[in-house]
């Protein structure tokens, strides 16, 4: 099985309300837009949920509720903590890979190849 660079962060309260109730949500993103779209298609995410494409400084991503997050993880998305999330988004914005081939988070300024 090929390693896919698709990630989810921790659930958080971002102000989402569904049916009048506050719900937690998270972000789903990938090393490349193509990987993100391919993964989203495989887990049946509506394409209308895609955010951040073409916006300067934005990382293309999907916002997910807890149920969708579990589905993404079950399908191979990697869970990241807050530090890893911030580091990977910074790398993505600079045009680099989110992670090095060995799976560790890149240190700022370190160059390498996409996994």
PDB file of N, CA and C in Angstrom:
ATOM      1  N   UNK A   1       0.845  -1.190   0.000  1.00  0.00           N
ATOM      2  CA  UNK A   1       0.000   0.000   0.000  1.00  0.00           C
ATOM      3  C   UNK A   1       0.883   1.244   0.000  1.00  0.00           C
ATOM      4  N   UNK A   2       0.595   2.186  -0.846  1.00  0.00           N
ATOM      5  CA  UNK A   2       1.356   3.416  -0.948  1.00  0.00           C
ATOM      6  C   UNK A   2       0.988   4.361   0.189  1.00  0.00           C
ATOM      7  N   UNK A   3       2.010   5.012   0.723  1.00  0.00           N
ATOM      8  CA  UNK A   3       1.768   5.977   1.793  1.00  0.00           C
ATOM      9  C   UNK A   3       1.121   7.230   1.215  1.00  0.00           C
ATOM     10  N   UNK A   4       0.030   7.628   1.801  1.00  0.00           N
ATOM     11  CA  UNK A   4      -0.673   8.830   1.367  1.00  0.00           C
ATOM     12  C   UNK A   4      -0.478   9.897   2.426  1.00  0.00           C
ATOM     13  N   UNK A   5      -0.138  11.100   2.004  1.00  0.00           N
ATOM     14  CA  UNK A   5       0.058  12.205   2.935  1.00  0.00           C
ATOM     15  C   UNK A   5      -1.230  12.950   3.197  1.00  0.00           C
ATOM     16  N   UNK A   6      -2.149  12.334   3.953  1.00  0.00           N
ATOM     17  CA  UNK A   6      -3.427  12.954   4.303  1.00  0.00           C
ATOM     18  C   UNK A   6      -3.515  12.998   5.820  1.00  0.00           C
ATOM     19  N   UNK A   7      -3.969  14.136   6.347  1.00  0.00           N
ATOM     20  CA  UNK A   7      -3.888  14.374   7.786  1.00  0.00           C
ATOM     21  C   UNK A   7      -5.181  14.948   8.353  1.00  0.00           C
ATOM     22  N   UNK A   8      -5.415  14.684   9.647  1.00  0.00           N
ATOM     23  CA  UNK A   8      -6.487  15.329  10.399  1.00  0.00           C
ATOM     24  C   UNK A   8      -5.892  15.857  11.697  1.00  0.00           C
ATOM     25  N   UNK A   9      -6.409  16.990  12.149  1.00  0.00           N
ATOM     26  CA  UNK A   9      -5.989  17.503  13.447  1.00  0.00           C
ATOM     27  C   UNK A   9      -7.011  17.088  14.499  1.00  0.00           C
ATOM     28  N   UNK A  10      -6.809  17.546  15.711  1.00  0.00           N
ATOM     29  CA  UNK A  10      -7.692  17.187  16.821  1.00  0.00           C
ATOM     30  C   UNK A  10      -9.039  17.890  16.678  1.00  0.00           C
ATOM     31  N   UNK A  11     -10.076  17.274  17.216  1.00  0.00           N
ATOM     32  CA  UNK A  11     -11.387  17.923  17.266  1.00  0.00           C
ATOM     33  C   UNK A  11     -11.307  19.144  18.171  1.00  0.00           C
ATOM     34  N   UNK A  12     -12.017  20.197  17.781  1.00  0.00           N
ATOM     35  CA  UNK A  12     -11.998  21.437  18.541  1.00  0.00           C
ATOM     36  C   UNK A  12     -13.353  22.126  18.374  1.00  0.00           C
ATOM     37  N   UNK A  13     -13.618  23.066  19.228  1.00  0.00           N
ATOM     38  CA  UNK A  13     -14.851  23.860  19.110  1.00  0.00           C
ATOM     39  C   UNK A  13     -14.525  25.126  18.318  1.00  0.00           C
ATOM     40  N   UNK A  14     -14.903  25.124  17.045  1.00  0.00           N
ATOM     41  CA  UNK A  14     -14.649  26.255  16.153  1.00  0.00           C
ATOM     42  C   UNK A  14     -15.904  27.094  15.952  1.00  0.00           C
ATOM     43  N   UNK A  15     -16.940  26.840  16.718  1.00  0.00           N
ATOM     44  CA  UNK A  15     -18.166  27.618  16.591  1.00  0.00           C
ATOM     45  C   UNK A  15     -19.217  26.996  15.698  1.00  0.00           C
ATOM     46  N   UNK A  16     -19.012  25.764  15.281  1.00  0.00           N
ATOM     47  CA  UNK A  16     -19.991  25.075  14.445  1.00  0.00           C
ATOM     48  C   UNK A  16     -21.231  24.740  15.249  1.00  0.00           C
ATOM     49  N   UNK A  17     -22.391  24.871  14.608  1.00  0.00           N
ATOM     50  CA  UNK A  17     -23.662  24.454  15.198  1.00  0.00           C
ATOM     51  C   UNK A  17     -24.431  23.649  14.156  1.00  0.00           C
ATOM     52  N   UNK A  18     -24.885  22.476  14.549  1.00  0.00           N
ATOM     53  CA  UNK A  18     -25.726  21.641  13.697  1.00  0.00           C
ATOM     54  C   UNK A  18     -27.009  21.349  14.449  1.00  0.00           C
ATOM     55  N   UNK A  19     -28.120  21.644  13.812  1.00  0.00           N
ATOM     56  CA  UNK A  19     -29.427  21.426  14.432  1.00  0.00           C
ATOM     57  C   UNK A  19     -29.517  22.114  15.792  1.00  0.00           C
ATOM     58  N   UNK A  20     -28.925  23.305  15.886  1.00  0.00           N
ATOM     59  CA  UNK A  20     -29.006  24.097  17.105  1.00  0.00           C
ATOM     60  C   UNK A  20     -28.052  23.690  18.211  1.00  0.00           C
ATOM     61  N   UNK A  21     -27.194  22.717  17.950  1.00  0.00           N
ATOM     62  CA  UNK A  21     -26.252  22.252  18.970  1.00  0.00           C
ATOM     63  C   UNK A  21     -24.819  22.523  18.541  1.00  0.00           C
ATOM     64  N   UNK A  22     -23.993  22.946  19.501  1.00  0.00           N
ATOM     65  CA  UNK A  22     -22.570  23.143  19.225  1.00  0.00           C
ATOM     66  C   UNK A  22     -21.912  21.784  18.991  1.00  0.00           C
ATOM     67  N   UNK A  23     -21.081  21.707  17.966  1.00  0.00           N
ATOM     68  CA  UNK A  23     -20.362  20.466  17.673  1.00  0.00           C
ATOM     69  C   UNK A  23     -18.882  20.762  17.480  1.00  0.00           C
ATOM     70  N   UNK A  24     -18.071  19.762  17.739  1.00  0.00           N
ATOM     71  CA  UNK A  24     -16.643  19.883  17.487  1.00  0.00           C
ATOM     72  C   UNK A  24     -16.363  19.533  16.030  1.00  0.00           C
ATOM     73  N   UNK A  25     -15.276  20.082  15.512  1.00  0.00           N
ATOM     74  CA  UNK A  25     -14.877  19.769  14.147  1.00  0.00           C
ATOM     75  C   UNK A  25     -13.354  19.777  14.064  1.00  0.00           C
ATOM     76  N   UNK A  26     -12.851  19.351  12.913  1.00  0.00           N
ATOM     77  CA  UNK A  26     -11.408  19.325  12.677  1.00  0.00           C
ATOM     78  C   UNK A  26     -11.160  19.616  11.202  1.00  0.00           C
ATOM     79  N   UNK A  27      -9.897  19.586  10.812  1.00  0.00           N
ATOM     80  CA  UNK A  27      -9.495  19.829   9.428  1.00  0.00           C
ATOM     81  C   UNK A  27      -8.908  18.559   8.825  1.00  0.00           C
ATOM     82  N   UNK A  28      -9.150  18.367   7.542  1.00  0.00           N
ATOM     83  CA  UNK A  28      -8.540  17.301   6.751  1.00  0.00           C
ATOM     84  C   UNK A  28      -7.782  17.978   5.624  1.00  0.00           C
ATOM     85  N   UNK A  29      -6.493  17.691   5.470  1.00  0.00           N
ATOM     86  CA  UNK A  29      -5.681  18.255   4.397  1.00  0.00           C
ATOM     87  C   UNK A  29      -4.660  17.223   3.967  1.00  0.00           C
ATOM     88  N   UNK A  30      -3.894  17.533   2.928  1.00  0.00           N
ATOM     89  CA  UNK A  30      -2.931  16.573   2.389  1.00  0.00           C
ATOM     90  C   UNK A  30      -1.689  17.297   1.891  1.00  0.00           C
ATOM     91  N   UNK A  31      -0.676  16.495   1.539  1.00  0.00           N
ATOM     92  CA  UNK A  31       0.560  17.064   1.009  1.00  0.00           C
ATOM     93  C   UNK A  31       0.335  17.772  -0.318  1.00  0.00           C
ATOM     94  N   UNK A  32      -0.619  17.297  -1.102  1.00  0.00           N
ATOM     95  CA  UNK A  32      -0.936  17.935  -2.382  1.00  0.00           C
ATOM     96  C   UNK A  32      -2.453  18.024  -2.537  1.00  0.00           C
ATOM     97  N   UNK A  33      -2.881  18.947  -3.362  1.00  0.00           N
ATOM     98  CA  UNK A  33      -4.311  19.082  -3.636  1.00  0.00           C
ATOM     99  C   UNK A  33      -4.852  17.817  -4.297  1.00  0.00           C
ATOM    100  N   UNK A  34      -4.075  17.226  -5.202  1.00  0.00           N
ATOM    101  CA  UNK A  34      -4.525  15.994  -5.860  1.00  0.00           C
ATOM    102  C   UNK A  34      -4.754  14.875  -4.851  1.00  0.00           C
ATOM    103  N   UNK A  35      -3.832  14.725  -3.888  1.00  0.00           N
ATOM    104  CA  UNK A  35      -4.009  13.702  -2.849  1.00  0.00           C
ATOM    105  C   UNK A  35      -5.263  13.980  -2.020  1.00  0.00           C
ATOM    106  N   UNK A  36      -5.477  15.245  -1.702  1.00  0.00           N
ATOM    107  CA  UNK A  36      -6.645  15.618  -0.907  1.00  0.00           C
ATOM    108  C   UNK A  36      -7.939  15.282  -1.649  1.00  0.00           C
ATOM    109  N   UNK A  37      -8.007  15.658  -2.914  1.00  0.00           N
ATOM    110  CA  UNK A  37      -9.216  15.406  -3.701  1.00  0.00           C
ATOM    111  C   UNK A  37      -9.448  13.916  -3.926  1.00  0.00           C
ATOM    112  N   UNK A  38      -8.376  13.166  -4.161  1.00  0.00           N
ATOM    113  CA  UNK A  38      -8.507  11.723  -4.341  1.00  0.00           C
ATOM    114  C   UNK A  38      -9.019  11.068  -3.057  1.00  0.00           C
ATOM    115  N   UNK A  39      -8.444  11.443  -1.926  1.00  0.00           N
ATOM    116  CA  UNK A  39      -8.865  10.880  -0.642  1.00  0.00           C
ATOM    117  C   UNK A  39     -10.314  11.257  -0.346  1.00  0.00           C
ATOM    118  N   UNK A  40     -10.655  12.518  -0.566  1.00  0.00           N
ATOM    119  CA  UNK A  40     -12.023  12.982  -0.314  1.00  0.00           C
ATOM    120  C   UNK A  40     -13.029  12.204  -1.158  1.00  0.00           C
ATOM    121  N   UNK A  41     -12.672  11.922  -2.388  1.00  0.00           N
ATOM    122  CA  UNK A  41     -13.550  11.144  -3.260  1.00  0.00           C
ATOM    123  C   UNK A  41     -13.731   9.728  -2.725  1.00  0.00           C
ATOM    124  N   UNK A  42     -12.647   9.125  -2.244  1.00  0.00           N
ATOM    125  CA  UNK A  42     -12.720   7.750  -1.729  1.00  0.00           C
ATOM    126  C   UNK A  42     -13.578   7.640  -0.476  1.00  0.00           C
ATOM    127  N   UNK A  43     -13.604   8.693   0.349  1.00  0.00           N
ATOM    128  CA  UNK A  43     -14.424   8.635   1.577  1.00  0.00           C
ATOM    129  C   UNK A  43     -15.761   9.355   1.396  1.00  0.00           C
ATOM    130  N   UNK A  44     -16.063   9.732   0.153  1.00  0.00           N
ATOM    131  CA  UNK A  44     -17.358  10.325  -0.226  1.00  0.00           C
ATOM    132  C   UNK A  44     -17.631  11.684   0.413  1.00  0.00           C
ATOM    133  N   UNK A  45     -16.592  12.493   0.594  1.00  0.00           N
ATOM    134  CA  UNK A  45     -16.801  13.858   1.080  1.00  0.00           C
ATOM    135  C   UNK A  45     -17.373  14.710  -0.048  1.00  0.00           C
ATOM    136  N   UNK A  46     -18.395  15.493   0.210  1.00  0.00           N
ATOM    137  CA  UNK A  46     -18.941  16.383  -0.821  1.00  0.00           C
ATOM    138  C   UNK A  46     -17.893  17.411  -1.263  1.00  0.00           C
ATOM    139  N   UNK A  47     -17.687  17.550  -2.553  1.00  0.00           N
ATOM    140  CA  UNK A  47     -16.678  18.487  -3.060  1.00  0.00           C
ATOM    141  C   UNK A  47     -16.996  19.926  -2.666  1.00  0.00           C
ATOM    142  N   UNK A  48     -18.260  20.228  -2.412  1.00  0.00           N
ATOM    143  CA  UNK A  48     -18.650  21.584  -1.999  1.00  0.00           C
ATOM    144  C   UNK A  48     -18.060  21.959  -0.644  1.00  0.00           C
ATOM    145  N   UNK A  49     -17.606  20.984   0.126  1.00  0.00           N
ATOM    146  CA  UNK A  49     -17.019  21.262   1.441  1.00  0.00           C
ATOM    147  C   UNK A  49     -15.560  21.703   1.356  1.00  0.00           C
ATOM    148  N   UNK A  50     -14.944  21.594   0.175  1.00  0.00           N
ATOM    149  CA  UNK A  50     -13.541  21.978   0.019  1.00  0.00           C
ATOM    150  C   UNK A  50     -13.379  23.473   0.254  1.00  0.00           C
ATOM    151  N   UNK A  51     -12.374  23.836   1.041  1.00  0.00           N
ATOM    152  CA  UNK A  51     -12.112  25.240   1.364  1.00  0.00           C
ATOM    153  C   UNK A  51     -10.653  25.584   1.084  1.00  0.00           C
ATOM    154  N   UNK A  52     -10.398  26.871   0.912  1.00  0.00           N
ATOM    155  CA  UNK A  52      -9.036  27.374   0.846  1.00  0.00           C
ATOM    156  C   UNK A  52      -8.352  27.308  -0.500  1.00  0.00           C
ATOM    157  N   UNK A  53      -8.989  26.779  -1.528  1.00  0.00           N
ATOM    158  CA  UNK A  53      -8.343  26.677  -2.836  1.00  0.00           C
ATOM    159  C   UNK A  53      -8.282  28.054  -3.478  1.00  0.00           C
ATOM    160  N   UNK A  54      -7.094  28.446  -3.903  1.00  0.00           N
ATOM    161  CA  UNK A  54      -6.917  29.726  -4.570  1.00  0.00           C
ATOM    162  C   UNK A  54      -6.869  30.927  -3.651  1.00  0.00           C
ATOM    163  N   UNK A  55      -6.928  30.707  -2.356  1.00  0.00           N
ATOM    164  CA  UNK A  55      -6.846  31.819  -1.405  1.00  0.00           C
ATOM    165  C   UNK A  55      -5.416  31.929  -0.906  1.00  0.00           C
ATOM    166  N   UNK A  56      -4.846  33.094  -1.052  1.00  0.00           N
ATOM    167  CA  UNK A  56      -3.460  33.305  -0.655  1.00  0.00           C
ATOM    168  C   UNK A  56      -3.261  32.955   0.822  1.00  0.00           C
ATOM    169  N   UNK A  57      -2.273  32.124   1.092  1.00  0.00           N
ATOM    170  CA  UNK A  57      -1.943  31.732   2.453  1.00  0.00           C
ATOM    171  C   UNK A  57      -2.818  30.649   3.039  1.00  0.00           C
ATOM    172  N   UNK A  58      -3.842  30.232   2.301  1.00  0.00           N
ATOM    173  CA  UNK A  58      -4.756  29.209   2.821  1.00  0.00           C
ATOM    174  C   UNK A  58      -4.303  27.820   2.379  1.00  0.00           C
ATOM    175  N   UNK A  59      -4.459  26.861   3.255  1.00  0.00           N
ATOM    176  CA  UNK A  59      -4.183  25.466   2.938  1.00  0.00           C
ATOM    177  C   UNK A  59      -5.509  24.817   2.530  1.00  0.00           C
ATOM    178  N   UNK A  60      -5.590  24.252   1.330  1.00  0.00           N
ATOM    179  CA  UNK A  60      -6.831  23.576   0.946  1.00  0.00           C
ATOM    180  C   UNK A  60      -7.167  22.478   1.954  1.00  0.00           C
ATOM    181  N   UNK A  61      -8.417  22.460   2.388  1.00  0.00           N
ATOM    182  CA  UNK A  61      -8.810  21.505   3.426  1.00  0.00           C
ATOM    183  C   UNK A  61     -10.319  21.305   3.431  1.00  0.00           C
ATOM    184  N   UNK A  62     -10.734  20.314   4.173  1.00  0.00           N
ATOM    185  CA  UNK A  62     -12.140  20.066   4.465  1.00  0.00           C
ATOM    186  C   UNK A  62     -12.326  20.198   5.966  1.00  0.00           C
ATOM    187  N   UNK A  63     -13.436  20.777   6.391  1.00  0.00           N
ATOM    188  CA  UNK A  63     -13.811  20.771   7.803  1.00  0.00           C
ATOM    189  C   UNK A  63     -14.662  19.531   8.030  1.00  0.00           C
ATOM    190  N   UNK A  64     -14.340  18.780   9.086  1.00  0.00           N
ATOM    191  CA  UNK A  64     -15.038  17.531   9.363  1.00  0.00           C
ATOM    192  C   UNK A  64     -15.611  17.504  10.770  1.00  0.00           C
ATOM    193  N   UNK A  65     -16.769  16.898  10.908  1.00  0.00           N
ATOM    194  CA  UNK A  65     -17.315  16.609  12.235  1.00  0.00           C
ATOM    195  C   UNK A  65     -16.664  15.315  12.732  1.00  0.00           C
ATOM    196  N   UNK A  66     -16.966  14.942  13.972  1.00  0.00           N
ATOM    197  CA  UNK A  66     -16.347  13.766  14.589  1.00  0.00           C
ATOM    198  C   UNK A  66     -16.578  12.488  13.777  1.00  0.00           C
ATOM    199  N   UNK A  67     -17.778  12.309  13.253  1.00  0.00           N
ATOM    200  CA  UNK A  67     -18.086  11.095  12.483  1.00  0.00           C
ATOM    201  C   UNK A  67     -17.249  11.034  11.213  1.00  0.00           C
ATOM    202  N   UNK A  68     -17.151  12.151  10.496  1.00  0.00           N
ATOM    203  CA  UNK A  68     -16.340  12.190   9.279  1.00  0.00           C
ATOM    204  C   UNK A  68     -14.858  12.013   9.607  1.00  0.00           C
ATOM    205  N   UNK A  69     -14.415  12.566  10.731  1.00  0.00           N
ATOM    206  CA  UNK A  69     -13.015  12.416  11.157  1.00  0.00           C
ATOM    207  C   UNK A  69     -12.686  10.941  11.367  1.00  0.00           C
ATOM    208  N   UNK A  70     -13.544  10.227  12.072  1.00  0.00           N
ATOM    209  CA  UNK A  70     -13.318   8.799  12.312  1.00  0.00           C
ATOM    210  C   UNK A  70     -13.266   8.025  11.000  1.00  0.00           C
ATOM    211  N   UNK A  71     -14.121   8.373  10.063  1.00  0.00           N
ATOM    212  CA  UNK A  71     -14.110   7.726   8.751  1.00  0.00           C
ATOM    213  C   UNK A  71     -12.787   7.986   8.036  1.00  0.00           C
ATOM    214  N   UNK A  72     -12.303   9.226   8.106  1.00  0.00           N
ATOM    215  CA  UNK A  72     -11.031   9.578   7.465  1.00  0.00           C
ATOM    216  C   UNK A  72      -9.870   8.805   8.090  1.00  0.00           C
ATOM    217  N   UNK A  73      -9.849   8.721   9.409  1.00  0.00           N
ATOM    218  CA  UNK A  73      -8.780   7.984  10.096  1.00  0.00           C
ATOM    219  C   UNK A  73      -8.843   6.505   9.725  1.00  0.00           C
ATOM    220  N   UNK A  74     -10.031   5.953   9.730  1.00  0.00           N
ATOM    221  CA  UNK A  74     -10.215   4.547   9.359  1.00  0.00           C
ATOM    222  C   UNK A  74      -9.739   4.294   7.926  1.00  0.00           C
ATOM    223  N   UNK A  75      -9.831   5.307   7.071  1.00  0.00           N
ATOM    224  CA  UNK A  75      -9.429   5.180   5.666  1.00  0.00           C
ATOM    225  C   UNK A  75      -7.972   5.543   5.429  1.00  0.00           C
ATOM    226  N   UNK A  76      -7.231   5.875   6.497  1.00  0.00           N
ATOM    227  CA  UNK A  76      -5.795   6.088   6.352  1.00  0.00           C
ATOM    228  C   UNK A  76      -5.265   7.466   6.665  1.00  0.00           C
ATOM    229  N   UNK A  77      -6.110   8.419   7.018  1.00  0.00           N
ATOM    230  CA  UNK A  77      -5.603   9.749   7.380  1.00  0.00           C
ATOM    231  C   UNK A  77      -4.808   9.646   8.680  1.00  0.00           C
ATOM    232  N   UNK A  78      -3.747  10.395   8.762  1.00  0.00           N
ATOM    233  CA  UNK A  78      -2.868  10.391   9.936  1.00  0.00           C
ATOM    234  C   UNK A  78      -3.309  11.471  10.920  1.00  0.00           C
ATOM    235  N   UNK A  79      -3.450  11.101  12.195  1.00  0.00           N
ATOM    236  CA  UNK A  79      -3.821  12.062  13.235  1.00  0.00           C
ATOM    237  C   UNK A  79      -2.591  12.861  13.653  1.00  0.00           C
ATOM    238  N   UNK A  80      -2.758  14.183  13.754  1.00  0.00           N
ATOM    239  CA  UNK A  80      -1.663  15.052  14.179  1.00  0.00           C
ATOM    240  C   UNK A  80      -2.042  15.810  15.437  1.00  0.00           C
ATOM    241  N   UNK A  81      -1.028  16.099  16.251  1.00  0.00           N
ATOM    242  CA  UNK A  81      -1.276  16.961  17.405  1.00  0.00           C
ATOM    243  C   UNK A  81      -1.150  18.416  16.951  1.00  0.00           C
ATOM    244  N   UNK A  82      -1.368  19.343  17.865  1.00  0.00           N
ATOM    245  CA  UNK A  82      -1.380  20.771  17.508  1.00  0.00           C
ATOM    246  C   UNK A  82      -0.040  21.230  16.941  1.00  0.00           C
ATOM    247  N   UNK A  83       1.063  20.795  17.542  1.00  0.00           N
ATOM    248  CA  UNK A  83       2.392  21.203  17.067  1.00  0.00           C
ATOM    249  C   UNK A  83       2.645  20.694  15.654  1.00  0.00           C
ATOM    250  N   UNK A  84       2.332  19.431  15.419  1.00  0.00           N
ATOM    251  CA  UNK A  84       2.521  18.858  14.084  1.00  0.00           C
ATOM    252  C   UNK A  84       1.636  19.555  13.053  1.00  0.00           C
ATOM    253  N   UNK A  85       0.423  19.892  13.444  1.00  0.00           N
ATOM    254  CA  UNK A  85      -0.498  20.574  12.536  1.00  0.00           C
ATOM    255  C   UNK A  85       0.056  21.925  12.114  1.00  0.00           C
ATOM    256  N   UNK A  86       0.477  22.725  13.075  1.00  0.00           N
ATOM    257  CA  UNK A  86       1.018  24.053  12.765  1.00  0.00           C
ATOM    258  C   UNK A  86       2.248  23.929  11.879  1.00  0.00           C
ATOM    259  N   UNK A  87       3.147  23.018  12.214  1.00  0.00           N
ATOM    260  CA  UNK A  87       4.363  22.835  11.420  1.00  0.00           C
ATOM    261  C   UNK A  87       4.036  22.407   9.996  1.00  0.00           C
ATOM    262  N   UNK A  88       3.112  21.468   9.841  1.00  0.00           N
ATOM    263  CA  UNK A  88       2.802  20.990   8.493  1.00  0.00           C
ATOM    264  C   UNK A  88       2.120  22.062   7.655  1.00  0.00           C
ATOM    265  N   UNK A  89       1.232  22.857   8.270  1.00  0.00           N
ATOM    266  CA  UNK A  89       0.574  23.928   7.518  1.00  0.00           C
ATOM    267  C   UNK A  89       1.590  24.996   7.113  1.00  0.00           C
ATOM    268  N   UNK A  90       2.551  25.299   7.961  1.00  0.00           N
ATOM    269  CA  UNK A  90       3.598  26.266   7.594  1.00  0.00           C
ATOM    270  C   UNK A  90       4.398  25.746   6.409  1.00  0.00           C
ATOM    271  N   UNK A  91       4.764  24.461   6.446  1.00  0.00           N
ATOM    272  CA  UNK A  91       5.525  23.873   5.345  1.00  0.00           C
ATOM    273  C   UNK A  91       4.707  23.901   4.051  1.00  0.00           C
ATOM    274  N   UNK A  92       3.422  23.576   4.149  1.00  0.00           N
ATOM    275  CA  UNK A  92       2.562  23.561   2.963  1.00  0.00           C
ATOM    276  C   UNK A  92       2.504  24.948   2.349  1.00  0.00           C
ATOM    277  N   UNK A  93       2.336  25.963   3.179  1.00  0.00           N
ATOM    278  CA  UNK A  93       2.239  27.342   2.683  1.00  0.00           C
ATOM    279  C   UNK A  93       3.516  27.779   1.982  1.00  0.00           C
ATOM    280  N   UNK A  94       4.650  27.213   2.389  1.00  0.00           N
ATOM    281  CA  UNK A  94       5.926  27.548   1.759  1.00  0.00           C
ATOM    282  C   UNK A  94       6.184  26.706   0.510  1.00  0.00           C
ATOM    283  N   UNK A  95       5.241  25.836   0.171  1.00  0.00           N
ATOM    284  CA  UNK A  95       5.391  25.015  -1.022  1.00  0.00           C
ATOM    285  C   UNK A  95       6.133  23.719  -0.795  1.00  0.00           C
ATOM    286  N   UNK A  96       6.429  23.396   0.443  1.00  0.00           N
ATOM    287  CA  UNK A  96       7.148  22.169   0.756  1.00  0.00           C
ATOM    288  C   UNK A  96       6.223  21.074   1.238  1.00  0.00           C
ATOM    289  N   UNK A  97       6.785  19.890   1.411  1.00  0.00           N
ATOM    290  CA  UNK A  97       5.987  18.784   1.931  1.00  0.00           C
ATOM    291  C   UNK A  97       5.671  18.993   3.400  1.00  0.00           C
ATOM    292  N   UNK A  98       4.586  18.415   3.848  1.00  0.00           N
ATOM    293  CA  UNK A  98       4.217  18.515   5.259  1.00  0.00           C
ATOM    294  C   UNK A  98       5.129  17.673   6.133  1.00  0.00           C
ATOM    295  N   UNK A  99       5.583  16.534   5.609  1.00  0.00           N
ATOM    296  CA  UNK A  99       6.378  15.598   6.396  1.00  0.00           C
ATOM    297  C   UNK A  99       7.498  15.019   5.572  1.00  0.00           C
ATOM    298  N   UNK A 100       8.561  14.592   6.258  1.00  0.00           N
ATOM    299  CA  UNK A 100       9.656  13.924   5.577  1.00  0.00           C
ATOM    300  C   UNK A 100       9.317  12.452   5.378  1.00  0.00           C
ATOM    301  N   UNK A 101      10.043  11.798   4.519  1.00  0.00           N
ATOM    302  CA  UNK A 101       9.736  10.423   4.144  1.00  0.00           C
ATOM    303  C   UNK A 101       9.696   9.473   5.337  1.00  0.00           C
ATOM    304  N   UNK A 102      10.474   9.725   6.366  1.00  0.00           N
ATOM    305  CA  UNK A 102      10.493   8.866   7.542  1.00  0.00           C
ATOM    306  C   UNK A 102       9.298   9.052   8.443  1.00  0.00           C
ATOM    307  N   UNK A 103       8.457  10.033   8.153  1.00  0.00           N
ATOM    308  CA  UNK A 103       7.248  10.234   8.927  1.00  0.00           C
ATOM    309  C   UNK A 103       7.326  11.337   9.954  1.00  0.00           C
ATOM    310  N   UNK A 104       8.514  11.883  10.205  1.00  0.00           N
ATOM    311  CA  UNK A 104       8.638  12.928  11.214  1.00  0.00           C
ATOM    312  C   UNK A 104       8.326  14.303  10.664  1.00  0.00           C
ATOM    313  N   UNK A 105       7.986  15.199  11.552  1.00  0.00           N
ATOM    314  CA  UNK A 105       7.694  16.576  11.153  1.00  0.00           C
ATOM    315  C   UNK A 105       8.995  17.265  10.777  1.00  0.00           C
ATOM    316  N   UNK A 106       8.967  18.021   9.697  1.00  0.00           N
ATOM    317  CA  UNK A 106      10.128  18.805   9.312  1.00  0.00           C
ATOM    318  C   UNK A 106      10.370  19.919  10.313  1.00  0.00           C
ATOM    319  N   UNK A 107      11.618  20.200  10.547  1.00  0.00           N
ATOM    320  CA  UNK A 107      11.983  21.386  11.311  1.00  0.00           C
ATOM    321  C   UNK A 107      11.943  22.553  10.329  1.00  0.00           C
ATOM    322  N   UNK A 108      11.625  23.740  10.815  1.00  0.00           N
ATOM    323  CA  UNK A 108      11.580  24.906   9.935  1.00  0.00           C
ATOM    324  C   UNK A 108      12.914  25.068   9.212  1.00  0.00           C
ATOM    325  N   UNK A 109      12.840  25.342   7.917  1.00  0.00           N
ATOM    326  CA  UNK A 109      14.024  25.596   7.123  1.00  0.00           C
ATOM    327  C   UNK A 109      14.689  24.343   6.575  1.00  0.00           C
ATOM    328  N   UNK A 110      14.250  23.163   6.963  1.00  0.00           N
ATOM    329  CA  UNK A 110      14.859  21.932   6.477  1.00  0.00           C
ATOM    330  C   UNK A 110      14.202  21.512   5.169  1.00  0.00           C
ATOM    331  N   UNK A 111      15.007  21.191   4.192  1.00  0.00           N
ATOM    332  CA  UNK A 111      14.478  20.808   2.885  1.00  0.00           C
ATOM    333  C   UNK A 111      14.428  19.294   2.746  1.00  0.00           C
ATOM    334  N   UNK A 112      13.610  18.811   1.863  1.00  0.00           N
ATOM    335  CA  UNK A 112      13.519  17.375   1.629  1.00  0.00           C
ATOM    336  C   UNK A 112      12.520  17.067   0.535  1.00  0.00           C
ATOM    337  N   UNK A 113      12.285  15.799   0.334  1.00  0.00           N
ATOM    338  CA  UNK A 113      11.359  15.370  -0.704  1.00  0.00           C
ATOM    339  C   UNK A 113      10.028  14.979  -0.101  1.00  0.00           C
ATOM    340  N   UNK A 114       9.003  15.069  -0.922  1.00  0.00           N
ATOM    341  CA  UNK A 114       7.682  14.616  -0.472  1.00  0.00           C
ATOM    342  C   UNK A 114       7.730  13.108  -0.276  1.00  0.00           C
ATOM    343  N   UNK A 115       6.976  12.614   0.723  1.00  0.00           N
ATOM    344  CA  UNK A 115       6.941  11.162   0.939  1.00  0.00           C
ATOM    345  C   UNK A 115       6.325  10.444  -0.250  1.00  0.00           C
TER     346      UNK A 115
END
